[in-house]
Structure formats: structure tokens, C-alpha cells
């Protein structure tokens, strides 16, 4: 069975070399194969070789292309994408708080940029994007997360324009692949 090719990317060669040098100095004698793998991957910013390998394998399973230049926890992205069905709709509300925000970003994409929406319009967009029947929960969560604003009487909503973090971008990319284009109004 051939070994999988996993490219190791170091953003800054100088800091990579400095970190690797410190690792080698701290080693007693010549490092073994596993120790050297751990040193190399730690120098590139991973916890150890297993962390690097899990990230590379998750990226390969998600989209068969190298990881994005921005660091995103691809194992976490892979778990979050499972909350969405094959049509790109949120099947259930995540129990983990750290999984909720990337899911909200995937719904945020459905909101048209620069437009004020009524509560009914927001409900329509959210109902098309989820299956558990609670648009009020999603509206509140989006406002609380700073992804949308609303008037004091809760009648008008507006998408807040800002760049999603790396993990949210990775989730959005994968969910958009599943979502019919007619349902998504991108900025």
C-alpha cells in the first residue's frame, strides 16, 4: 500500500529553522524517526506528527486539495459539515458552542448583502436553510454572534459585513457545494 503524500507547509522558513534548531539542541544524541517527525511538524506549528497527519487526512477527505493557506482545524470542519444534509441545510442545532458559530456563518451567506430584511424574509431564508423548525433560535443566535443586526422592535434585520474566520470559510465552501444556487444570495 503506497504511503499518502502529506505536504508540510511552513509559513515562515526563518522561524521554522529557529524552532527546529531549538528542538534538535534539546534532543539527546541523534533523534529517531518518530522524534524527527514530531520535531519537524512542531516547528511548522502543529502539536505533533499525529496532529499534522489528522489535519492532512481530514483535508484530503473533505475536498481532495491541499489545506487552505489560513490555518483551519480541518478535523473540526469535517465534524461541523456533518450537521448539514446533502442539500446544504442545517439538520440540527449543535450541542457544542464551538460548532454553532461556523454553522451560523453558513446560514449568514444566505442573507443578501446591504439589504434590510423583514422578520418574515429572514424567517424564509432561515427556514430554507435548516430542518429543525426554529428560525427564532437562529435569528437570535445570529444577532448575538454579531452576524446580523436588528432594530429594537425586531422587525428589520441586516447582515453584518465582515470576513468569516478560517474554519467558517472552510465550512461555507463545503456547504455551498451542496446548496442549490437559487437559495444562496452571496455578497
N, C-alpha and C. Protein backbone atom coordinates (compact mmCIF):
# COMPACT_ATOMS: atom_id res chain seq x y z
N UNK A 1 0.84 -1.18 0.00
CA UNK A 1 0.00 0.00 0.00
C UNK A 1 0.89 1.25 0.00
N UNK A 2 0.70 2.16 -0.95
CA UNK A 2 1.56 3.34 -1.01
C UNK A 2 1.27 4.30 0.14
N UNK A 3 2.31 5.00 0.56
CA UNK A 3 2.16 5.98 1.62
C UNK A 3 1.47 7.23 1.08
N UNK A 4 0.59 7.82 1.86
CA UNK A 4 -0.04 9.07 1.40
C UNK A 4 0.97 10.21 1.45
N UNK A 5 0.89 11.08 0.47
CA UNK A 5 1.76 12.25 0.42
C UNK A 5 1.06 13.37 1.19
N UNK A 6 1.75 13.91 2.19
CA UNK A 6 1.19 14.98 3.00
C UNK A 6 2.16 16.15 2.99
N UNK A 7 1.88 17.20 2.23
CA UNK A 7 2.80 18.34 2.17
C UNK A 7 2.84 19.08 3.50
N UNK A 8 4.05 19.41 3.94
CA UNK A 8 4.25 20.18 5.16
C UNK A 8 4.57 21.60 4.74
N UNK A 9 3.75 22.55 5.16
CA UNK A 9 3.93 23.94 4.77
C UNK A 9 4.33 24.76 5.99
N UNK A 10 5.42 25.49 5.87
CA UNK A 10 5.87 26.40 6.93
C UNK A 10 5.68 27.82 6.40
N UNK A 11 4.91 28.63 7.12
CA UNK A 11 4.64 29.99 6.66
C UNK A 11 5.90 30.85 6.64
N UNK A 12 6.76 30.64 7.64
CA UNK A 12 7.98 31.43 7.76
C UNK A 12 9.16 30.49 7.90
N UNK A 13 10.00 30.42 6.90
CA UNK A 13 11.13 29.49 6.90
C UNK A 13 12.10 29.82 8.03
N UNK A 14 12.29 31.11 8.30
CA UNK A 14 13.22 31.51 9.35
C UNK A 14 12.76 31.00 10.72
N UNK A 15 11.49 31.21 11.06
CA UNK A 15 11.01 30.72 12.36
C UNK A 15 10.96 29.20 12.39
N UNK A 16 10.71 28.58 11.24
CA UNK A 16 10.74 27.12 11.16
C UNK A 16 12.13 26.60 11.50
N UNK A 17 13.16 27.20 10.88
CA UNK A 17 14.54 26.79 11.12
C UNK A 17 14.95 27.03 12.57
N UNK A 18 14.55 28.18 13.12
CA UNK A 18 14.88 28.52 14.50
C UNK A 18 14.25 27.51 15.47
N UNK A 19 12.97 27.22 15.24
CA UNK A 19 12.26 26.27 16.09
C UNK A 19 12.85 24.87 15.97
N UNK A 20 13.16 24.45 14.77
CA UNK A 20 13.76 23.13 14.56
C UNK A 20 15.12 23.05 15.22
N UNK A 21 15.89 24.12 15.13
CA UNK A 21 17.21 24.16 15.78
C UNK A 21 17.09 23.98 17.29
N UNK A 22 16.10 24.66 17.91
CA UNK A 22 15.88 24.51 19.37
C UNK A 22 15.50 23.07 19.70
N UNK A 23 14.63 22.47 18.87
CA UNK A 23 14.22 21.08 19.09
C UNK A 23 15.42 20.15 19.02
N UNK A 24 16.29 20.35 18.02
CA UNK A 24 17.45 19.48 17.86
C UNK A 24 18.46 19.65 19.00
N UNK A 25 18.63 20.90 19.49
CA UNK A 25 19.53 21.15 20.61
C UNK A 25 19.05 20.45 21.88
N UNK A 26 17.74 20.41 22.08
CA UNK A 26 17.18 19.80 23.28
C UNK A 26 17.21 18.28 23.23
N UNK A 27 17.49 17.70 22.08
CA UNK A 27 17.49 16.25 21.89
C UNK A 27 18.82 15.66 22.36
N UNK A 28 18.76 14.53 23.04
CA UNK A 28 19.97 13.83 23.46
C UNK A 28 20.43 12.93 22.32
N UNK A 29 21.53 13.25 21.69
CA UNK A 29 22.04 12.42 20.61
C UNK A 29 21.24 12.59 19.33
N UNK A 30 21.36 11.62 18.45
CA UNK A 30 20.65 11.68 17.18
C UNK A 30 19.20 11.27 17.39
N UNK A 31 18.26 12.09 16.90
CA UNK A 31 16.84 11.75 17.09
C UNK A 31 16.43 10.57 16.21
N UNK A 32 15.49 9.79 16.72
CA UNK A 32 14.94 8.69 15.94
C UNK A 32 13.94 9.20 14.92
N UNK A 33 13.42 8.30 14.11
CA UNK A 33 12.49 8.64 13.04
C UNK A 33 11.25 9.37 13.58
N UNK A 34 10.61 8.82 14.59
CA UNK A 34 9.39 9.41 15.15
C UNK A 34 9.69 10.75 15.80
N UNK A 35 10.83 10.82 16.53
CA UNK A 35 11.20 12.09 17.16
C UNK A 35 11.42 13.17 16.09
N UNK A 36 12.08 12.81 15.01
CA UNK A 36 12.34 13.77 13.94
C UNK A 36 11.03 14.23 13.28
N UNK A 37 10.10 13.31 13.05
CA UNK A 37 8.79 13.69 12.51
C UNK A 37 8.09 14.68 13.43
N UNK A 38 8.10 14.40 14.74
CA UNK A 38 7.47 15.30 15.70
C UNK A 38 8.15 16.67 15.72
N UNK A 39 9.48 16.67 15.65
CA UNK A 39 10.22 17.94 15.64
C UNK A 39 9.86 18.78 14.42
N UNK A 40 9.83 18.15 13.26
CA UNK A 40 9.51 18.87 12.02
C UNK A 40 8.11 19.45 12.06
N UNK A 41 7.14 18.65 12.47
CA UNK A 41 5.76 19.13 12.46
C UNK A 41 5.51 20.16 13.55
N UNK A 42 6.15 20.02 14.73
CA UNK A 42 6.01 21.05 15.77
C UNK A 42 6.61 22.37 15.29
N UNK A 43 7.71 22.30 14.55
CA UNK A 43 8.34 23.51 14.04
C UNK A 43 7.45 24.22 13.02
N UNK A 44 6.58 23.49 12.36
CA UNK A 44 5.65 24.08 11.38
C UNK A 44 4.35 24.55 12.03
N UNK A 45 4.22 24.36 13.37
CA UNK A 45 3.05 24.89 14.08
C UNK A 45 2.03 23.85 14.51
N UNK A 46 2.30 22.58 14.32
CA UNK A 46 1.38 21.53 14.75
C UNK A 46 1.79 21.04 16.13
N UNK A 47 0.87 20.41 16.85
CA UNK A 47 1.19 19.88 18.19
C UNK A 47 2.21 18.74 18.10
N UNK A 48 2.04 17.88 17.11
CA UNK A 48 2.94 16.74 16.89
C UNK A 48 2.61 16.15 15.52
N UNK A 49 3.27 15.06 15.19
CA UNK A 49 3.04 14.45 13.88
C UNK A 49 1.61 13.94 13.72
N UNK A 50 1.05 13.38 14.77
CA UNK A 50 -0.32 12.86 14.70
C UNK A 50 -1.32 13.98 14.38
N UNK A 51 -1.12 15.15 15.00
CA UNK A 51 -1.98 16.31 14.73
C UNK A 51 -1.85 16.72 13.26
N UNK A 52 -0.62 16.79 12.77
CA UNK A 52 -0.38 17.13 11.37
C UNK A 52 -1.05 16.12 10.44
N UNK A 53 -0.88 14.86 10.74
CA UNK A 53 -1.45 13.80 9.90
C UNK A 53 -2.98 13.85 9.90
N UNK A 54 -3.59 14.07 11.07
CA UNK A 54 -5.05 14.16 11.15
C UNK A 54 -5.57 15.33 10.32
N UNK A 55 -4.86 16.47 10.36
CA UNK A 55 -5.26 17.64 9.57
C UNK A 55 -5.17 17.33 8.07
N UNK A 56 -4.07 16.70 7.68
CA UNK A 56 -3.87 16.39 6.25
C UNK A 56 -4.90 15.39 5.76
N UNK A 57 -5.19 14.37 6.55
CA UNK A 57 -6.17 13.36 6.14
C UNK A 57 -7.58 13.93 6.09
N UNK A 58 -7.92 14.79 7.06
CA UNK A 58 -9.25 15.42 7.03
C UNK A 58 -9.39 16.32 5.81
N UNK A 59 -8.33 17.06 5.48
CA UNK A 59 -8.37 17.90 4.29
C UNK A 59 -8.54 17.08 3.03
N UNK A 60 -7.86 15.95 2.97
CA UNK A 60 -7.98 15.07 1.80
C UNK A 60 -9.38 14.50 1.68
N UNK A 61 -9.97 14.13 2.82
CA UNK A 61 -11.33 13.58 2.78
C UNK A 61 -12.34 14.65 2.41
N UNK A 62 -12.13 15.88 2.85
CA UNK A 62 -13.10 16.94 2.58
C UNK A 62 -13.14 17.35 1.12
N UNK A 63 -12.00 17.59 0.53
CA UNK A 63 -12.07 18.13 -0.83
C UNK A 63 -10.91 17.74 -1.73
N UNK A 64 -10.11 16.84 -1.34
CA UNK A 64 -9.03 16.32 -2.17
C UNK A 64 -8.12 17.41 -2.72
N UNK A 65 -7.93 18.47 -1.95
CA UNK A 65 -6.99 19.52 -2.34
C UNK A 65 -6.19 19.91 -1.10
N UNK A 66 -5.04 20.57 -1.25
CA UNK A 66 -4.22 20.91 -0.09
C UNK A 66 -4.95 21.88 0.83
N UNK A 67 -4.61 21.89 2.12
CA UNK A 67 -5.26 22.79 3.06
C UNK A 67 -5.12 24.25 2.65
N UNK A 68 -6.07 25.06 3.07
CA UNK A 68 -6.07 26.49 2.77
C UNK A 68 -4.85 27.13 3.43
N UNK A 69 -4.37 28.26 2.87
CA UNK A 69 -3.21 28.93 3.46
C UNK A 69 -3.48 29.39 4.88
N UNK A 70 -4.71 29.82 5.17
CA UNK A 70 -5.05 30.19 6.54
C UNK A 70 -5.22 28.92 7.35
N UNK A 71 -4.72 28.91 8.58
CA UNK A 71 -4.86 27.68 9.36
C UNK A 71 -6.30 27.47 9.80
N UNK A 72 -6.86 26.36 9.44
CA UNK A 72 -8.20 25.97 9.88
C UNK A 72 -8.10 24.56 10.42
N UNK A 73 -8.81 24.30 11.48
CA UNK A 73 -8.82 22.96 12.06
C UNK A 73 -9.73 22.10 11.18
N UNK A 74 -9.14 21.39 10.25
CA UNK A 74 -9.92 20.64 9.27
C UNK A 74 -10.66 19.46 9.87
N UNK A 75 -10.16 18.93 10.97
CA UNK A 75 -10.88 17.85 11.65
C UNK A 75 -12.19 18.42 12.21
N UNK A 76 -12.10 19.63 12.79
CA UNK A 76 -13.30 20.29 13.30
C UNK A 76 -14.25 20.64 12.16
N UNK A 77 -13.72 21.13 11.05
CA UNK A 77 -14.54 21.46 9.88
C UNK A 77 -15.28 20.22 9.40
N UNK A 78 -14.58 19.11 9.34
CA UNK A 78 -15.19 17.86 8.90
C UNK A 78 -16.37 17.48 9.82
N UNK A 79 -16.20 17.68 11.12
CA UNK A 79 -17.29 17.38 12.07
C UNK A 79 -18.46 18.33 11.89
N UNK A 80 -18.17 19.60 11.67
CA UNK A 80 -19.24 20.61 11.54
C UNK A 80 -20.04 20.39 10.26
N UNK A 81 -19.37 20.02 9.18
CA UNK A 81 -20.07 19.81 7.91
C UNK A 81 -21.10 18.68 8.05
N UNK A 82 -20.89 17.78 8.99
CA UNK A 82 -21.85 16.69 9.20
C UNK A 82 -23.20 17.18 9.72
N UNK A 83 -23.27 18.41 10.23
CA UNK A 83 -24.54 18.97 10.69
C UNK A 83 -25.45 19.34 9.52
N UNK A 84 -24.91 19.33 8.30
CA UNK A 84 -25.65 19.73 7.12
C UNK A 84 -25.99 18.51 6.27
N UNK A 85 -27.18 18.56 5.65
CA UNK A 85 -27.57 17.44 4.78
C UNK A 85 -26.96 17.63 3.39
N UNK A 86 -27.32 16.74 2.48
CA UNK A 86 -26.74 16.79 1.13
C UNK A 86 -27.21 17.99 0.32
N UNK A 87 -28.27 18.66 0.78
CA UNK A 87 -28.75 19.87 0.10
C UNK A 87 -28.21 21.13 0.78
N UNK A 88 -27.32 20.99 1.77
CA UNK A 88 -26.72 22.14 2.44
C UNK A 88 -27.59 22.75 3.52
N UNK A 89 -28.57 22.01 4.04
CA UNK A 89 -29.43 22.53 5.11
C UNK A 89 -28.97 22.01 6.46
N UNK A 90 -29.04 22.89 7.46
CA UNK A 90 -28.66 22.53 8.82
C UNK A 90 -29.69 21.56 9.38
N UNK A 91 -29.26 20.36 9.72
CA UNK A 91 -30.18 19.30 10.16
C UNK A 91 -30.56 19.47 11.63
N UNK A 92 -29.59 19.82 12.47
CA UNK A 92 -29.86 20.01 13.89
C UNK A 92 -28.93 21.06 14.45
N UNK A 93 -29.34 21.65 15.56
CA UNK A 93 -28.56 22.68 16.22
C UNK A 93 -27.45 22.00 17.02
N UNK A 94 -26.19 22.37 16.80
CA UNK A 94 -25.08 21.71 17.50
C UNK A 94 -25.14 21.92 19.01
N UNK A 95 -24.80 20.87 19.75
CA UNK A 95 -24.73 20.98 21.21
C UNK A 95 -23.50 21.76 21.63
N UNK A 96 -22.40 21.56 20.89
CA UNK A 96 -21.15 22.24 21.23
C UNK A 96 -21.21 23.70 20.77
N UNK A 97 -20.90 24.59 21.67
CA UNK A 97 -20.91 26.02 21.34
C UNK A 97 -19.87 26.33 20.26
N UNK A 98 -18.75 25.63 20.26
CA UNK A 98 -17.70 25.90 19.28
C UNK A 98 -18.10 25.47 17.87
N UNK A 99 -19.15 24.65 17.75
CA UNK A 99 -19.63 24.23 16.43
C UNK A 99 -20.76 25.13 15.93
N UNK A 100 -21.37 25.88 16.82
CA UNK A 100 -22.53 26.70 16.44
C UNK A 100 -22.16 27.87 15.53
N UNK A 101 -21.10 28.59 15.88
CA UNK A 101 -20.75 29.78 15.10
C UNK A 101 -20.42 29.46 13.65
N UNK A 102 -19.60 28.45 13.35
CA UNK A 102 -19.38 28.13 11.93
C UNK A 102 -20.68 27.74 11.20
N UNK A 103 -21.62 27.10 11.91
CA UNK A 103 -22.92 26.77 11.30
C UNK A 103 -23.69 28.05 10.99
N UNK A 104 -23.62 29.01 11.90
CA UNK A 104 -24.31 30.29 11.66
C UNK A 104 -23.71 31.03 10.47
N UNK A 105 -22.39 30.94 10.32
CA UNK A 105 -21.75 31.58 9.16
C UNK A 105 -22.28 30.97 7.86
N UNK A 106 -22.52 29.66 7.86
CA UNK A 106 -23.04 29.01 6.65
C UNK A 106 -24.45 29.51 6.34
N UNK A 107 -25.21 29.90 7.36
CA UNK A 107 -26.54 30.49 7.14
C UNK A 107 -26.43 31.97 6.78
N UNK A 108 -25.43 32.64 7.33
CA UNK A 108 -25.19 34.08 7.07
C UNK A 108 -25.02 34.33 5.57
N UNK A 109 -24.41 33.38 4.85
CA UNK A 109 -24.18 33.53 3.41
C UNK A 109 -25.50 33.68 2.66
N UNK A 110 -26.56 33.13 3.18
CA UNK A 110 -27.87 33.19 2.51
C UNK A 110 -28.49 34.59 2.57
N UNK A 111 -28.05 35.42 3.52
CA UNK A 111 -28.59 36.77 3.65
C UNK A 111 -27.99 37.67 2.58
N UNK A 112 -28.80 38.44 1.87
CA UNK A 112 -28.25 39.35 0.86
C UNK A 112 -27.47 40.49 1.52
N UNK A 113 -26.36 40.85 0.94
CA UNK A 113 -25.52 41.92 1.48
C UNK A 113 -26.16 43.27 1.23
N UNK A 114 -26.05 44.17 2.20
CA UNK A 114 -26.50 45.54 2.04
C UNK A 114 -28.00 45.76 1.95
N UNK A 115 -28.79 44.77 2.35
CA UNK A 115 -30.25 44.89 2.28
C UNK A 115 -30.86 44.73 3.65
N UNK A 116 -31.86 45.53 3.93
CA UNK A 116 -32.64 45.38 5.16
C UNK A 116 -33.76 44.40 4.88
N UNK A 117 -33.91 43.44 5.77
CA UNK A 117 -34.91 42.38 5.61
C UNK A 117 -35.94 42.44 6.72
N UNK A 118 -37.16 42.09 6.38
CA UNK A 118 -38.20 41.99 7.41
C UNK A 118 -38.01 40.67 8.16
N UNK A 119 -38.69 40.55 9.30
CA UNK A 119 -38.61 39.31 10.07
C UNK A 119 -39.12 38.13 9.24
N UNK A 120 -40.16 38.35 8.45
CA UNK A 120 -40.70 37.27 7.61
C UNK A 120 -39.69 36.84 6.54
N UNK A 121 -38.99 37.80 5.95
CA UNK A 121 -37.97 37.45 4.95
C UNK A 121 -36.82 36.66 5.58
N UNK A 122 -36.40 37.09 6.76
CA UNK A 122 -35.33 36.38 7.47
C UNK A 122 -35.80 34.96 7.80
N UNK A 123 -37.03 34.84 8.29
CA UNK A 123 -37.57 33.51 8.59
C UNK A 123 -37.58 32.63 7.35
N UNK A 124 -37.95 33.19 6.21
CA UNK A 124 -37.98 32.43 4.97
C UNK A 124 -36.60 31.93 4.57
N UNK A 125 -35.59 32.80 4.69
CA UNK A 125 -34.22 32.39 4.37
C UNK A 125 -33.73 31.31 5.33
N UNK A 126 -34.03 31.49 6.62
CA UNK A 126 -33.57 30.52 7.60
C UNK A 126 -34.32 29.19 7.48
N UNK A 127 -35.62 29.25 7.19
CA UNK A 127 -36.39 28.01 7.04
C UNK A 127 -35.91 27.20 5.83
N UNK A 128 -35.46 27.90 4.80
CA UNK A 128 -34.90 27.19 3.63
C UNK A 128 -33.53 26.60 3.95
N UNK A 129 -32.89 27.09 5.03
CA UNK A 129 -31.54 26.65 5.35
C UNK A 129 -31.42 25.70 6.51
N UNK A 130 -32.55 25.35 7.15
CA UNK A 130 -32.46 24.39 8.25
C UNK A 130 -33.69 23.50 8.29
N UNK A 131 -33.58 22.40 9.04
CA UNK A 131 -34.66 21.41 9.06
C UNK A 131 -35.29 21.20 10.42
N UNK A 132 -34.84 21.88 11.47
CA UNK A 132 -35.38 21.59 12.80
C UNK A 132 -36.45 22.57 13.24
N UNK A 133 -36.87 23.47 12.37
CA UNK A 133 -38.05 24.29 12.59
C UNK A 133 -37.98 25.33 13.69
N UNK A 134 -36.84 25.99 13.87
CA UNK A 134 -36.73 27.02 14.90
C UNK A 134 -35.98 28.24 14.37
N UNK A 135 -36.61 29.01 13.46
CA UNK A 135 -35.92 30.18 12.92
C UNK A 135 -35.66 31.25 13.98
N UNK A 136 -36.50 31.30 15.03
CA UNK A 136 -36.30 32.30 16.09
C UNK A 136 -34.97 32.06 16.81
N UNK A 137 -34.66 30.82 17.09
CA UNK A 137 -33.38 30.47 17.72
C UNK A 137 -32.23 30.94 16.84
N UNK A 138 -32.32 30.67 15.55
CA UNK A 138 -31.25 31.05 14.63
C UNK A 138 -31.14 32.56 14.48
N UNK A 139 -32.28 33.27 14.44
CA UNK A 139 -32.24 34.74 14.36
C UNK A 139 -31.52 35.32 15.57
N UNK A 140 -31.93 34.87 16.75
CA UNK A 140 -31.30 35.37 17.98
C UNK A 140 -29.82 35.05 18.02
N UNK A 141 -29.47 33.83 17.64
CA UNK A 141 -28.06 33.42 17.66
C UNK A 141 -27.24 34.26 16.70
N UNK A 142 -27.78 34.57 15.53
CA UNK A 142 -27.04 35.38 14.56
C UNK A 142 -26.81 36.80 15.07
N UNK A 143 -27.82 37.36 15.72
CA UNK A 143 -27.68 38.70 16.29
C UNK A 143 -26.69 38.67 17.45
N UNK A 144 -26.82 37.68 18.33
CA UNK A 144 -25.90 37.56 19.48
C UNK A 144 -24.46 37.36 19.04
N UNK A 145 -24.26 36.66 17.93
CA UNK A 145 -22.90 36.40 17.42
C UNK A 145 -22.34 37.58 16.63
N UNK A 146 -23.16 38.61 16.39
CA UNK A 146 -22.70 39.77 15.64
C UNK A 146 -22.70 39.56 14.14
N UNK A 147 -23.44 38.56 13.66
CA UNK A 147 -23.51 38.31 12.22
C UNK A 147 -24.65 39.08 11.57
N UNK A 148 -25.58 39.55 12.39
CA UNK A 148 -26.71 40.34 11.90
C UNK A 148 -27.09 41.37 12.96
N UNK A 149 -27.73 42.42 12.51
CA UNK A 149 -28.27 43.42 13.45
C UNK A 149 -29.77 43.46 13.26
N UNK A 150 -30.46 43.94 14.29
CA UNK A 150 -31.91 44.11 14.17
C UNK A 150 -32.31 45.38 14.90
N UNK A 151 -33.46 45.90 14.52
CA UNK A 151 -33.98 47.09 15.17
C UNK A 151 -34.52 46.71 16.55
N UNK A 152 -34.76 47.69 17.39
CA UNK A 152 -35.23 47.44 18.75
C UNK A 152 -36.56 46.69 18.77
N UNK A 153 -37.41 46.94 17.77
CA UNK A 153 -38.70 46.24 17.72
C UNK A 153 -38.62 44.89 17.00
N UNK A 154 -37.42 44.49 16.59
CA UNK A 154 -37.15 43.18 15.95
C UNK A 154 -37.90 43.00 14.63
N UNK A 155 -38.20 44.08 13.95
CA UNK A 155 -38.92 43.97 12.68
C UNK A 155 -38.01 44.00 11.47
N UNK A 156 -36.81 44.57 11.63
CA UNK A 156 -35.90 44.68 10.49
C UNK A 156 -34.53 44.12 10.87
N UNK A 157 -33.98 43.35 9.94
CA UNK A 157 -32.68 42.70 10.14
C UNK A 157 -31.76 43.07 9.00
N UNK A 158 -30.46 43.05 9.30
CA UNK A 158 -29.46 43.37 8.28
C UNK A 158 -28.22 42.52 8.56
N UNK A 159 -27.68 41.96 7.52
CA UNK A 159 -26.45 41.17 7.63
C UNK A 159 -25.28 42.10 7.94
N UNK A 160 -24.41 41.70 8.86
CA UNK A 160 -23.21 42.47 9.18
C UNK A 160 -22.09 41.97 8.27
N UNK A 161 -21.49 42.91 7.55
CA UNK A 161 -20.44 42.54 6.60
C UNK A 161 -19.09 42.46 7.29
N UNK A 162 -18.54 41.27 7.33
CA UNK A 162 -17.20 41.05 7.84
C UNK A 162 -16.70 39.72 7.30
N UNK A 163 -15.39 39.54 7.34
CA UNK A 163 -14.79 38.32 6.80
C UNK A 163 -14.91 37.18 7.80
N UNK A 164 -15.42 36.05 7.36
CA UNK A 164 -15.52 34.89 8.25
C UNK A 164 -14.13 34.37 8.62
N UNK A 165 -14.00 33.80 9.82
CA UNK A 165 -12.72 33.19 10.20
C UNK A 165 -12.43 31.95 9.33
N UNK A 166 -11.22 31.44 9.43
CA UNK A 166 -10.76 30.35 8.56
C UNK A 166 -11.66 29.12 8.62
N UNK A 167 -12.03 28.69 9.83
CA UNK A 167 -12.89 27.50 9.94
C UNK A 167 -14.26 27.74 9.32
N UNK A 168 -14.81 28.94 9.55
CA UNK A 168 -16.11 29.26 8.97
C UNK A 168 -16.04 29.30 7.45
N UNK A 169 -14.95 29.84 6.90
CA UNK A 169 -14.80 29.86 5.44
C UNK A 169 -14.74 28.44 4.88
N UNK A 170 -14.03 27.57 5.57
CA UNK A 170 -13.94 26.18 5.12
C UNK A 170 -15.32 25.50 5.16
N UNK A 171 -16.09 25.78 6.22
CA UNK A 171 -17.44 25.20 6.32
C UNK A 171 -18.33 25.77 5.22
N UNK A 172 -18.28 27.08 5.01
CA UNK A 172 -19.10 27.73 3.98
C UNK A 172 -18.80 27.13 2.61
N UNK A 173 -17.51 26.96 2.28
CA UNK A 173 -17.14 26.39 0.99
C UNK A 173 -17.76 25.02 0.78
N UNK A 174 -17.69 24.20 1.80
CA UNK A 174 -18.19 22.83 1.67
C UNK A 174 -19.71 22.78 1.64
N UNK A 175 -20.37 23.64 2.42
CA UNK A 175 -21.84 23.66 2.44
C UNK A 175 -22.36 24.24 1.14
N UNK A 176 -21.70 25.26 0.60
CA UNK A 176 -22.14 25.86 -0.67
C UNK A 176 -22.07 24.87 -1.82
N UNK A 177 -21.13 23.94 -1.74
CA UNK A 177 -21.06 22.91 -2.79
C UNK A 177 -22.33 22.07 -2.82
N UNK A 178 -22.98 21.96 -1.67
CA UNK A 178 -24.19 21.14 -1.57
C UNK A 178 -25.46 21.92 -1.81
N UNK A 179 -25.41 23.26 -1.68
CA UNK A 179 -26.60 24.10 -1.70
C UNK A 179 -26.97 24.51 -3.12
N UNK A 180 -28.24 24.35 -3.49
CA UNK A 180 -28.69 24.86 -4.80
C UNK A 180 -28.45 26.37 -4.88
N UNK A 181 -27.89 26.84 -5.96
CA UNK A 181 -27.53 28.25 -6.12
C UNK A 181 -28.70 29.20 -5.96
N UNK A 182 -29.89 28.79 -6.27
CA UNK A 182 -31.06 29.66 -6.18
C UNK A 182 -31.34 30.05 -4.72
N UNK A 183 -30.89 29.25 -3.78
CA UNK A 183 -31.15 29.53 -2.36
C UNK A 183 -30.12 30.43 -1.73
N UNK A 184 -29.02 30.69 -2.41
CA UNK A 184 -27.92 31.45 -1.81
C UNK A 184 -27.75 32.77 -2.56
N UNK A 185 -27.80 33.84 -1.81
CA UNK A 185 -27.51 35.16 -2.37
C UNK A 185 -26.21 35.60 -1.75
N UNK A 186 -25.12 35.50 -2.49
CA UNK A 186 -23.82 35.85 -1.95
C UNK A 186 -23.54 37.33 -2.14
N UNK A 187 -22.61 37.81 -1.34
CA UNK A 187 -22.26 39.23 -1.39
C UNK A 187 -21.50 39.57 -2.64
